[in-house]
Protein backbone atom coordinates (compact mmCIF):
# COMPACT_ATOMS: atom_id res chain seq x y z
CA MET A 1 105.05 51.46 65.35
CA GLN A 2 102.58 54.38 65.16
CA GLN A 3 104.23 57.70 65.81
CA ALA A 4 102.37 59.69 68.62
CA SER A 5 100.45 62.82 66.99
CA SER A 6 101.90 66.29 67.56
CA ARG A 7 100.55 68.24 70.64
CA HIS A 8 100.77 72.02 70.68
CA ILE A 9 100.02 74.48 73.59
CA ARG A 10 99.18 77.63 71.71
CA PHE A 11 99.93 81.14 73.07
CA LYS A 12 97.99 84.11 71.29
CA GLY A 13 98.17 87.92 72.54
CA ARG A 14 94.92 89.64 73.41
CA SER A 15 93.79 92.57 74.72
CA PHE A 16 91.17 93.02 77.45
CA PRO A 17 89.58 96.06 79.05
CA VAL A 18 90.81 96.54 82.76
CA LEU A 19 90.38 99.56 85.46
CA THR A 20 93.44 101.51 86.18
CA LEU A 21 94.03 103.17 89.50
CA GLU A 22 96.37 105.95 89.56
CA PRO A 23 97.14 106.97 92.97
CA GLU A 24 98.34 110.22 93.59
CA GLN A 25 100.91 112.23 96.21
CA PRO A 26 100.08 112.65 99.00
CA LEU A 27 99.31 109.13 99.41
CA GLU A 28 97.21 109.53 102.63
CA GLY A 29 95.08 111.55 101.28
CA TRP A 30 94.57 109.29 97.80
CA PHE A 31 93.65 106.24 100.07
CA GLU A 32 90.93 108.20 102.24
CA GLN A 33 89.07 109.03 99.11
CA LEU A 34 89.83 105.21 97.99
CA ASP A 35 88.13 104.27 101.55
CA ALA A 36 85.11 106.64 101.29
CA LEU A 37 84.66 105.01 97.89
CA LEU A 38 84.58 101.69 99.48
CA ALA A 39 82.11 102.90 102.54
CA GLN A 40 79.59 103.68 99.86
CA SER A 41 80.06 101.03 97.55
CA PRO A 42 82.14 98.19 98.84
CA ALA A 43 81.65 95.56 96.19
CA PHE A 44 82.99 98.46 93.69
CA PHE A 45 86.22 96.44 92.65
CA SER A 46 84.89 93.28 93.36
CA ARG A 47 85.77 90.88 90.33
CA LYS A 48 87.29 93.58 88.06
CA SER A 49 90.69 93.37 86.68
CA ILE A 50 92.63 96.14 88.63
CA VAL A 51 95.77 97.45 87.22
CA ILE A 52 98.06 100.11 89.36
CA ASP A 53 99.53 102.57 87.64
CA ILE A 54 102.17 104.63 89.54
CA ALA A 55 103.65 106.82 86.67
CA LYS A 56 102.52 110.06 88.65
CA LEU A 57 104.35 108.51 92.00
CA THR A 58 107.97 108.97 93.21
CA LEU A 59 108.33 105.55 95.10
CA GLU A 60 111.28 103.60 95.84
CA GLN A 61 110.94 99.73 95.26
CA ALA A 62 110.11 99.26 99.09
CA GLN A 63 107.28 101.80 98.84
CA LEU A 64 105.49 99.99 96.14
CA GLY A 65 105.30 97.00 98.11
CA GLU A 66 104.00 99.26 100.89
CA LEU A 67 101.20 100.44 98.60
CA LEU A 68 100.12 97.28 97.05
CA ALA A 69 99.60 95.84 100.53
CA ASN A 70 97.84 98.82 101.69
CA VAL A 71 95.55 97.94 98.31
CA ALA A 72 95.23 94.50 99.35
CA ARG A 73 94.23 95.43 102.62
CA ARG A 74 90.98 96.85 101.21
CA GLY A 75 90.35 93.59 99.21
CA ILE A 76 91.37 95.04 95.87
CA ARG A 77 93.47 92.48 93.77
CA VAL A 78 95.73 93.74 91.65
CA MET A 79 96.65 92.09 88.37
CA GLY A 80 99.44 94.08 87.05
CA LEU A 81 101.64 96.80 87.49
CA SER A 82 102.32 100.09 85.24
CA GLY A 83 104.50 102.64 85.07
CA VAL A 84 106.97 100.83 87.01
CA ASP A 85 111.04 100.19 86.15
CA PRO A 86 110.95 97.04 84.23
CA SER A 87 114.16 96.18 86.29
CA TRP A 88 111.90 96.13 89.48
CA ALA A 89 110.40 92.90 88.55
CA SER A 90 110.22 89.74 90.88
CA ASP A 91 108.17 87.22 91.86
CA GLU A 92 106.73 89.46 94.97
CA LEU A 93 105.38 91.57 92.66
CA PRO A 94 102.00 91.49 89.96
CA PRO A 95 103.17 91.37 86.29
CA ILE A 96 104.94 94.56 84.96
CA LEU A 97 102.87 95.93 81.88
CA ALA A 98 103.90 98.21 79.42
CA GLY A 99 102.31 99.65 76.13
CA GLY A 100 98.68 100.05 77.80
CA ARG A 101 96.64 102.73 76.37
CA ALA A 102 93.01 103.93 76.80
CA THR A 103 90.25 102.32 74.68
CA PRO A 104 89.80 104.17 71.97
CA GLN A 105 86.67 105.62 70.88
CA ALA A 106 85.16 106.08 67.25
CA PRO A 107 84.71 109.44 65.34
CA ALA A 108 81.40 111.17 66.48
CA GLU A 109 79.06 110.92 63.97
CA THR A 110 77.00 113.70 62.86
CA ASP A 111 73.56 112.30 61.47
CA ALA A 112 73.28 109.38 63.96
CA THR A 113 70.15 107.35 64.11
CA PRO A 114 68.36 105.09 66.82
CA ALA A 115 70.70 101.86 67.52
CA LYS A 116 69.67 98.36 66.92
CA ASP A 117 70.23 95.70 69.61
CA ALA A 118 72.21 92.67 68.30
CA SER A 119 69.72 90.08 69.33
CA SER A 120 66.15 92.40 69.72
CA GLY A 121 66.34 94.02 66.57
CA THR A 122 64.78 97.83 65.89
CA LEU A 123 63.57 100.14 69.13
CA THR A 124 59.83 100.22 69.38
CA PRO A 125 58.54 103.86 68.74
CA SER A 126 58.29 104.36 72.40
CA GLU A 127 61.60 103.67 72.87
CA GLU A 128 62.96 105.92 69.87
CA SER A 129 60.60 108.56 71.17
CA ALA A 130 62.57 108.14 74.43
CA PHE A 131 65.83 109.04 72.62
CA LYS A 132 64.39 112.01 70.95
CA ASP A 133 63.23 113.43 74.24
CA ILE A 134 66.67 113.69 75.49
CA ALA A 135 68.25 115.02 72.19
CA ASN A 136 65.63 117.50 72.47
CA ALA A 137 66.12 118.39 75.48
CA LEU A 138 70.02 118.93 74.87
CA GLY A 139 69.34 120.73 71.76
CA VAL A 140 71.31 118.30 69.85
CA SER A 141 70.87 115.58 67.21
CA GLY A 142 72.05 111.88 68.12
CA ALA A 143 74.93 111.12 70.64
CA PRO A 144 75.09 114.10 73.07
CA GLY A 145 78.09 115.89 73.46
CA GLY A 146 79.64 114.72 70.56
CA VAL A 147 80.24 111.27 72.25
CA ALA A 148 80.47 108.51 69.63
CA SER A 149 77.34 106.36 69.06
CA ALA A 150 79.30 103.58 67.88
CA ALA A 151 78.70 99.54 68.57
CA PRO A 152 76.13 100.73 71.54
CA LEU A 153 74.80 98.23 74.04
CA ILE A 154 70.70 98.32 74.23
CA LEU A 155 69.53 96.87 77.29
CA LEU A 156 65.70 96.20 77.26
CA GLU A 157 65.02 94.78 80.19
CA PRO A 158 66.10 96.35 83.78
CA VAL A 159 69.54 95.99 85.26
CA ARG A 160 68.99 93.77 88.68
CA SER A 161 70.63 93.99 91.64
CA GLY A 162 74.39 92.47 91.24
CA GLN A 163 74.46 92.48 87.91
CA SER A 164 77.49 94.30 86.49
CA ILE A 165 77.22 95.79 82.65
CA TYR A 166 80.66 96.28 80.97
CA HIS A 167 81.02 97.96 77.42
CA PRO A 168 84.06 99.68 76.80
CA GLU A 169 83.51 100.00 73.04
CA GLY A 170 80.66 102.88 72.94
CA ASP A 171 77.48 103.95 74.95
CA VAL A 172 74.97 101.65 77.18
CA THR A 173 71.16 102.27 77.23
CA VAL A 174 68.60 101.00 79.36
CA ILE A 175 65.17 100.84 78.84
CA GLY A 176 64.38 100.18 82.32
CA SER A 177 65.75 101.10 86.05
CA VAL A 178 69.10 100.10 87.39
CA ALA A 179 68.66 98.75 90.74
CA SER A 180 70.61 99.36 93.91
CA GLY A 181 73.70 97.22 93.83
CA ALA A 182 73.89 97.05 90.31
CA GLU A 183 76.17 99.24 87.92
CA ILE A 184 76.88 100.24 84.00
CA MET A 185 80.24 101.01 82.73
CA ALA A 186 80.28 102.02 79.42
CA GLY A 187 83.21 103.74 77.57
CA GLY A 188 80.70 106.18 75.80
CA SER A 189 77.91 107.66 77.65
CA VAL A 190 75.38 105.87 79.75
CA HIS A 191 71.57 106.42 78.93
CA ILE A 192 68.78 105.00 81.33
CA TYR A 193 65.28 105.75 80.57
CA GLY A 194 63.85 104.93 84.17
CA THR A 195 65.54 105.13 87.60
CA LEU A 196 69.29 104.60 88.56
CA ARG A 197 69.46 103.26 92.07
CA GLY A 198 72.93 101.65 91.33
CA ARG A 199 76.20 102.84 90.08
CA ALA A 200 76.80 104.27 86.16
CA MET A 201 80.11 105.02 85.00
CA ALA A 202 80.39 106.59 81.81
CA GLY A 203 83.60 107.42 79.69
CA ALA A 204 85.31 104.28 81.89
CA TYR A 205 88.37 104.30 79.43
CA GLY A 206 89.25 107.50 78.94
CA GLU A 207 86.50 109.26 76.78
CA LYS A 208 86.16 112.70 78.66
CA ARG A 209 82.97 113.73 76.22
CA ALA A 210 80.93 110.83 77.68
CA ARG A 211 77.68 111.54 79.76
CA ILE A 212 75.30 109.87 82.00
CA PHE A 213 71.31 110.37 81.36
CA CYS A 214 68.79 109.20 83.54
CA ARG A 215 65.15 109.50 83.91
CA ARG A 216 65.16 109.90 87.77
CA LEU A 217 68.32 109.96 89.65
CA GLU A 218 68.62 107.69 92.98
CA ALA A 219 72.00 106.72 92.51
CA GLU A 220 74.67 105.20 95.01
CA LEU A 221 77.68 106.47 92.61
CA LEU A 222 78.19 108.52 89.22
CA SER A 223 81.51 108.40 87.74
CA VAL A 224 82.70 110.36 84.21
CA CYS A 225 86.41 109.24 83.30
CA GLY A 226 87.04 108.16 86.18
CA VAL A 227 85.95 111.18 88.58
CA TYR A 228 82.89 110.12 90.82
CA LEU A 229 80.28 111.37 93.20
CA THR A 230 78.78 109.28 95.79
CA ALA A 231 74.88 109.55 96.93
CA GLU A 232 75.84 111.80 99.70
CA GLU A 233 77.81 114.13 97.39
CA ILE A 234 75.17 114.86 95.15
CA SER A 235 73.13 117.53 95.59
CA ALA A 236 69.33 117.54 96.64
CA ASN A 237 67.84 119.24 94.41
CA VAL A 238 68.67 116.97 91.57
CA GLN A 239 67.84 113.67 93.34
CA SER A 240 64.61 112.30 92.22
CA GLN A 241 65.05 114.08 88.95
CA SER A 242 65.48 113.81 85.22
CA ILE A 243 69.33 114.72 84.77
CA GLN A 244 72.58 114.76 82.77
CA ALA A 245 76.04 114.32 84.20
CA TRP A 246 79.38 115.41 82.78
CA LEU A 247 83.10 115.97 83.43
CA GLU A 248 83.95 119.65 83.64
CA ASN A 249 87.48 120.79 84.93
CA GLU A 250 87.74 117.76 86.34
CA THR A 251 84.49 117.65 88.55
CA VAL A 252 81.56 116.13 87.98
CA LYS A 253 78.60 118.40 87.22
CA ILE A 254 74.78 117.23 87.04
CA ALA A 255 72.03 119.38 86.04
CA ARG A 256 68.34 118.82 85.43
CA LEU A 257 66.51 117.80 82.04
CA ASP A 258 63.55 119.92 82.43
């Protein structure tokens, strides 16, 4: 009699980048801001892993259920909760997560050189020149604002409408334009050597020094470290200009690159 081979189900702990929403009181005002964002970008949270962190709130367990219901009515699917008393765990709530932290950034390099694309080799002279143009405009060498240039993602083609680019480990550089309806989300800075018509999110995992650069600004949304501006909030004097955007005193600032 032949013995049946042993079968195993493997379990492994792994970490994945997620977007964390941090509601603030008064909740009515926070939901108003959320609705304004969704009115400008209805698909902003589509197909994303979302965690709700209520550490800044004082809520009863019943109020948490109401909060999640209001979030769900806006088409946002929540995969987990943070900042919640573990004793509240139940089948009615998403899993309660602990030990989460912002994606770490590598130390800033003092003598950065143009990065290589993993599949396309070194940059062309014109692409390298684009890097130098912005660095000269800022009066810095390498990664602007001290943001780490480790593990960059370099895209040598335009980003089309409907595409979403996520890169939590470092900067994202697009040698081309970003179409309306497309989005770039980077743990570091975002560099766009064309027209930005879609959404750009720098420092998406907690890096406050991150910045956004583009040759021509026609964006639907700009965000640095979770603080955002919609198209209506972007000043007319920087529209269609070459700009940089950064976070200062919890406000996204935009300046032209002359």
